[in-house]
């Protein structure tokens, strides 16, 4: 069963910023980031429960090749993408 995935405005803004940052370095790198993001989103849509709950019913799916985590919540048959966080920031926040 594929879940419907929707993103918050904050998450969309986070994604735009990350793509712009990688594009400033190298356009090919930005494309690779975007493709990795899409791959991760597809995996979430196919099986969101495969990702463990980390805090307050929030699950995190880490991108495969880039140091970002997609934070999301499952509500019935929908997945709500809340925020995209750089993994280094996440580790500092947990300390």
Protein backbone atom coordinates (compact mmCIF):
# COMPACT_ATOMS: atom_id res chain seq x y z
CA UNK A 1 0.00 0.00 0.00
CA UNK A 2 1.37 3.41 -0.93
CA UNK A 3 0.76 6.19 1.56
CA UNK A 4 0.02 9.72 0.46
CA UNK A 5 2.91 12.03 1.35
CA UNK A 6 2.39 15.72 2.01
CA UNK A 7 4.96 18.26 3.19
CA UNK A 8 4.70 21.24 5.48
CA UNK A 9 5.67 24.67 4.18
CA UNK A 10 8.67 24.53 6.51
CA UNK A 11 9.78 21.23 4.98
CA UNK A 12 9.42 22.60 1.44
CA UNK A 13 11.47 25.66 2.39
CA UNK A 14 14.16 23.44 3.98
CA UNK A 15 14.36 21.40 0.77
CA UNK A 16 14.65 24.51 -1.40
CA UNK A 17 17.45 25.88 0.79
CA UNK A 18 19.37 22.59 0.66
CA UNK A 19 19.04 22.35 -3.13
CA UNK A 20 20.19 25.96 -3.53
CA UNK A 21 23.15 25.35 -1.22
CA UNK A 22 24.28 22.30 -3.20
CA UNK A 23 23.65 24.12 -6.52
CA UNK A 24 25.97 26.92 -5.41
CA UNK A 25 28.70 24.31 -4.99
CA UNK A 26 27.90 22.25 -8.09
CA UNK A 27 24.71 21.83 -10.13
CA UNK A 28 25.31 18.09 -10.54
CA UNK A 29 25.57 17.78 -6.76
CA UNK A 30 22.18 19.53 -6.42
CA UNK A 31 20.66 17.02 -8.86
CA UNK A 32 22.15 14.11 -6.92
CA UNK A 33 20.74 15.54 -3.68
CA UNK A 34 17.30 15.92 -5.26
CA UNK A 35 17.37 12.35 -6.62
CA UNK A 36 18.40 11.02 -3.20
CA UNK A 37 15.56 12.97 -1.62
CA UNK A 38 13.02 11.54 -4.10
CA UNK A 39 14.34 8.01 -3.50
CA UNK A 40 13.92 8.45 0.26
CA UNK A 41 10.42 9.91 -0.12
CA UNK A 42 9.38 6.93 -2.28
CA UNK A 43 10.63 4.54 0.37
CA UNK A 44 8.64 6.42 3.01
CA UNK A 45 5.51 6.24 0.83
CA UNK A 46 5.91 2.49 0.29
CA UNK A 47 6.60 1.54 3.90
CA UNK A 48 6.67 4.41 6.43
CA UNK A 49 6.43 2.04 9.39
CA UNK A 50 9.85 0.62 8.50
CA UNK A 51 11.35 3.72 10.13
CA UNK A 52 11.39 3.68 13.91
CA UNK A 53 9.69 6.28 16.07
CA UNK A 54 12.36 8.63 17.42
CA UNK A 55 10.32 11.12 19.48
CA UNK A 56 6.64 12.10 19.97
CA UNK A 57 5.36 9.81 17.19
CA UNK A 58 7.91 11.34 14.79
CA UNK A 59 9.91 9.02 12.57
CA UNK A 60 13.12 9.90 10.76
CA UNK A 61 14.20 8.63 7.36
CA UNK A 62 17.81 9.49 6.59
CA UNK A 63 18.83 10.17 3.01
CA UNK A 64 21.15 7.53 1.57
CA UNK A 65 24.07 9.69 0.43
CA UNK A 66 23.52 13.08 2.06
CA UNK A 67 23.53 13.96 5.78
CA UNK A 68 19.86 14.88 6.11
CA UNK A 69 16.90 13.31 7.87
CA UNK A 70 13.26 13.62 6.81
CA UNK A 71 11.14 13.90 9.95
CA UNK A 72 7.59 12.69 9.44
CA UNK A 73 4.46 11.48 11.18
CA UNK A 74 1.94 8.86 10.03
CA UNK A 75 -1.70 9.87 10.39
CA UNK A 76 -4.04 7.08 9.25
CA UNK A 77 -3.10 6.39 5.60
CA UNK A 78 -1.19 9.63 5.12
CA UNK A 79 2.38 10.62 5.83
CA UNK A 80 3.02 14.22 6.82
CA UNK A 81 6.61 15.39 6.19
CA UNK A 82 7.32 17.94 8.89
CA UNK A 83 10.92 19.05 8.44
CA UNK A 84 14.25 18.25 6.77
CA UNK A 85 17.16 18.51 9.21
CA UNK A 86 20.89 18.30 8.64
CA UNK A 87 22.03 15.27 10.65
CA UNK A 88 24.85 17.23 12.33
CA UNK A 89 22.29 19.72 13.72
CA UNK A 90 20.16 16.85 14.99
CA UNK A 91 23.04 15.28 16.88
CA UNK A 92 23.88 18.64 18.53
CA UNK A 93 20.24 19.15 19.52
CA UNK A 94 20.14 15.77 21.25
CA UNK A 95 23.26 16.47 23.37
